[in-house]
Each structure stands twice: as structure tokens, then as C-alpha cells.
């Protein structure tokens, strides 16, 4: 049942991206161009997403566990730090330059555009580099802590 629910959720999400126009980078870039050919229609999409997410958190997290079993998986970090700000800035710059963010880019792969495939490849490479740097920094921090306390890493 979890697989079916996951498939239906992903299909609904992808359909929403297509219907809203978020898989069209020109529409996204027009939304971001407030001094030029501004297209405010995506503001309605974002507003609906914020309301839906807020209601979802309100009702779903009031339950002791997900409907189909398991546990809720929420981000453990709650602090606004340099890593969050850097990631948000890179996300925003990428969105503003290219007109894609990860979800719509993956949904747009179905259109077969070469530029979309290039974007997704670059996005995956960036994710791999970020993960490698994070793991290296975490490993380095553990080693430094272990050395300062005399413990073995």
C-alpha cells in the first residue's frame, strides 16, 4: 500500500507542476521578472502550496504516526546557520538563472529537452559534491574532537 500511495502522491505532485506551469522555465523566469514581463500566476500556485502544506502539517502531525505506518521524518536542524543560508542562496540563484528547481526539473525530463537533461546532470553533480564535502567536514570534525579528547576515532 505504501508503494501505491507513494506513486499516487508523486503522480499528483508532478501533475500539479505541469498544470501550474512550473516545468516551463520561461514561465518561472517571467514570474521572477517583476520589472519586465511579470507573470503573477505562479504566486497563486505558491500560495495554494503554502496553505496546503500548512494544513497538512497541522492535521497530519497531530497523528501519532503516518497512516501507512513507520515514523514521521522531519528535518532535525532548526537553526538558521551559514549552511542553510548558502544553500538557499544557491537554490535561489539557480532558480533565477535557469528557471528550474529540482522537482520541476525532474518532471520536465519527460519533455525530452536537452537543456533540462544538462540542468539535472549538473544538479546531481552539485548534490554529490555537497554530500562529499559534508561527509568530509563531519569526518574531520569527529577526528579533531577525538584527537583533542585523546579518544580514537
Protein backbone atom coordinates (compact mmCIF):
# COMPACT_ATOMS: atom_id res chain seq x y z
CA UNK A 1 0.00 0.00 0.00
CA UNK A 2 2.90 2.37 0.74
CA UNK A 3 4.24 1.93 -2.80
CA UNK A 4 0.84 2.75 -4.30
CA UNK A 5 0.44 5.81 -2.04
CA UNK A 6 3.94 6.98 -2.95
CA UNK A 7 3.24 6.53 -6.66
CA UNK A 8 -0.09 8.37 -6.48
CA UNK A 9 1.46 11.20 -4.42
CA UNK A 10 4.32 11.60 -6.89
CA UNK A 11 1.94 11.50 -9.83
CA UNK A 12 -0.29 14.14 -8.24
CA UNK A 13 2.72 16.32 -7.44
CA UNK A 14 4.07 16.02 -10.99
CA UNK A 15 0.66 16.76 -12.46
CA UNK A 16 0.44 19.86 -10.28
CA UNK A 17 3.83 21.01 -11.58
CA UNK A 18 2.68 20.53 -15.17
CA UNK A 19 -0.70 22.24 -14.69
CA UNK A 20 0.84 25.19 -12.83
CA UNK A 21 3.50 25.70 -15.49
CA UNK A 22 6.43 25.19 -13.13
CA UNK A 23 8.09 22.83 -15.63
CA UNK A 24 8.30 25.71 -18.11
CA UNK A 25 11.42 27.74 -17.25
CA UNK A 26 10.18 30.71 -19.31
CA UNK A 27 7.05 30.97 -17.12
CA UNK A 28 9.16 30.79 -13.97
CA UNK A 29 11.60 33.42 -15.24
CA UNK A 30 8.67 35.68 -16.18
CA UNK A 31 7.36 35.30 -12.64
CA UNK A 32 10.74 36.38 -11.28
CA UNK A 33 10.99 39.34 -13.69
CA UNK A 34 8.93 41.84 -11.68
CA UNK A 35 10.18 44.83 -13.69
CA UNK A 36 9.61 43.29 -17.12
CA UNK A 37 7.09 40.75 -18.37
CA UNK A 38 5.93 39.72 -14.90
CA UNK A 39 3.55 36.75 -14.74
CA UNK A 40 1.91 36.70 -11.31
CA UNK A 41 0.09 33.38 -11.84
CA UNK A 42 2.76 31.39 -10.00
CA UNK A 43 2.08 33.45 -6.87
CA UNK A 44 -1.32 31.75 -6.72
CA UNK A 45 0.35 28.37 -7.10
CA UNK A 46 2.79 29.16 -4.29
CA UNK A 47 0.01 30.47 -2.07
CA UNK A 48 -2.01 27.31 -2.59
CA UNK A 49 1.09 25.22 -1.84
CA UNK A 50 1.78 27.10 1.40
CA UNK A 51 -1.83 26.72 2.58
CA UNK A 52 -1.92 23.02 1.65
CA UNK A 53 1.39 22.35 3.38
CA UNK A 54 0.35 24.27 6.48
CA UNK A 55 -2.90 22.33 6.75
CA UNK A 56 -1.04 19.12 6.07
CA UNK A 57 1.38 19.75 8.91
CA UNK A 58 -1.45 20.82 11.21
CA UNK A 59 -3.59 17.73 10.67
CA UNK A 60 -1.07 15.05 9.78
CA UNK A 61 1.48 15.76 12.51
CA UNK A 62 -1.30 15.70 15.10
CA UNK A 63 -1.40 11.93 14.50
CA UNK A 64 0.98 9.68 16.45
CA UNK A 65 2.28 8.02 13.25
CA UNK A 66 1.79 8.13 9.49
CA UNK A 67 -1.38 6.48 8.20
CA UNK A 68 0.53 3.78 6.34
CA UNK A 69 2.98 3.03 9.15
CA UNK A 70 6.51 3.96 10.06
CA UNK A 71 7.59 7.24 11.60
CA UNK A 72 7.43 10.86 10.54
CA UNK A 73 10.75 12.04 9.10
CA UNK A 74 11.21 15.73 9.86
CA UNK A 75 14.41 17.73 9.41
CA UNK A 76 16.46 17.58 12.62
CA UNK A 77 18.03 21.03 12.16
CA UNK A 78 16.00 24.03 13.25
CA UNK A 79 18.71 26.72 13.40
CA UNK A 80 19.31 29.26 10.68
CA UNK A 81 23.04 28.87 10.01
CA UNK A 82 25.54 29.56 7.27
CA UNK A 83 24.91 26.23 5.58
CA UNK A 84 21.16 26.93 5.32
CA UNK A 85 21.70 30.48 4.06
CA UNK A 86 24.31 29.35 1.50
CA UNK A 87 22.05 26.55 0.27
CA UNK A 88 19.05 28.85 0.00
CA UNK A 89 21.10 31.45 -1.88
CA UNK A 90 22.45 28.87 -4.33
CA UNK A 91 18.94 27.49 -4.83
CA UNK A 92 17.55 30.97 -5.48
CA UNK A 93 20.36 31.93 -7.84
CA UNK A 94 19.95 28.69 -9.78
CA UNK A 95 16.18 29.15 -9.96
CA UNK A 96 16.56 32.73 -11.11
CA UNK A 97 19.20 31.99 -13.75
CA UNK A 98 17.77 28.78 -15.21
CA UNK A 99 14.10 28.78 -14.22
CA UNK A 100 14.17 25.30 -12.69
CA UNK A 101 14.23 23.90 -9.21
CA UNK A 102 14.72 20.17 -8.53
CA UNK A 103 11.12 18.89 -8.59
CA UNK A 104 10.01 20.67 -11.74
CA UNK A 105 13.30 19.83 -13.48
CA UNK A 106 12.78 16.12 -12.88
CA UNK A 107 9.16 16.38 -14.05
CA UNK A 108 10.34 18.31 -17.15
CA UNK A 109 12.66 15.46 -18.14
CA UNK A 110 9.58 13.86 -19.71
CA UNK A 111 9.57 16.65 -22.33
CA UNK A 112 12.98 15.46 -23.57
CA UNK A 113 14.68 18.87 -23.67
CA UNK A 114 18.47 18.67 -23.84
CA UNK A 115 18.82 21.74 -21.61
CA UNK A 116 16.70 20.04 -18.94
CA UNK A 117 18.93 16.95 -19.03
CA UNK A 118 22.02 19.17 -18.70
CA UNK A 119 20.45 21.00 -15.75
CA UNK A 120 19.52 17.75 -13.98
CA UNK A 121 23.01 16.32 -14.56
CA UNK A 122 24.59 19.49 -13.14
CA UNK A 123 22.15 19.43 -10.22
CA UNK A 124 23.04 15.81 -9.40
CA UNK A 125 26.75 16.61 -9.67
CA UNK A 126 26.29 19.56 -7.29
CA UNK A 127 24.42 17.33 -4.84
CA UNK A 128 27.24 14.77 -4.98
CA UNK A 129 29.90 17.44 -4.36
CA UNK A 130 27.88 18.89 -1.48
CA UNK A 131 27.45 15.46 0.08
CA UNK A 132 31.15 14.66 -0.29
CA UNK A 133 32.16 17.98 1.30
CA UNK A 134 29.66 17.50 4.13
CA UNK A 135 30.90 13.97 4.85
CA UNK A 136 34.50 15.16 4.71
CA UNK A 137 33.77 18.02 7.14
CA UNK A 138 31.82 15.75 9.50
CA UNK A 139 34.63 13.17 9.43
CA UNK A 140 37.23 15.89 10.02
CA UNK A 141 35.23 17.31 12.93
CA UNK A 142 34.96 13.85 14.53
CA UNK A 143 38.68 13.23 14.11
CA UNK A 144 39.60 16.65 15.54
CA UNK A 145 37.28 16.09 18.52
CA UNK A 146 38.66 12.60 19.11
CA UNK A 147 42.27 13.89 18.98
CA UNK A 148 41.55 16.71 21.42
CA UNK A 149 39.99 14.30 23.93
CA UNK A 150 42.58 11.56 23.41
CA UNK A 151 39.93 9.16 22.07
CA UNK A 152 40.38 7.00 18.99
CA UNK A 153 38.17 7.98 16.03
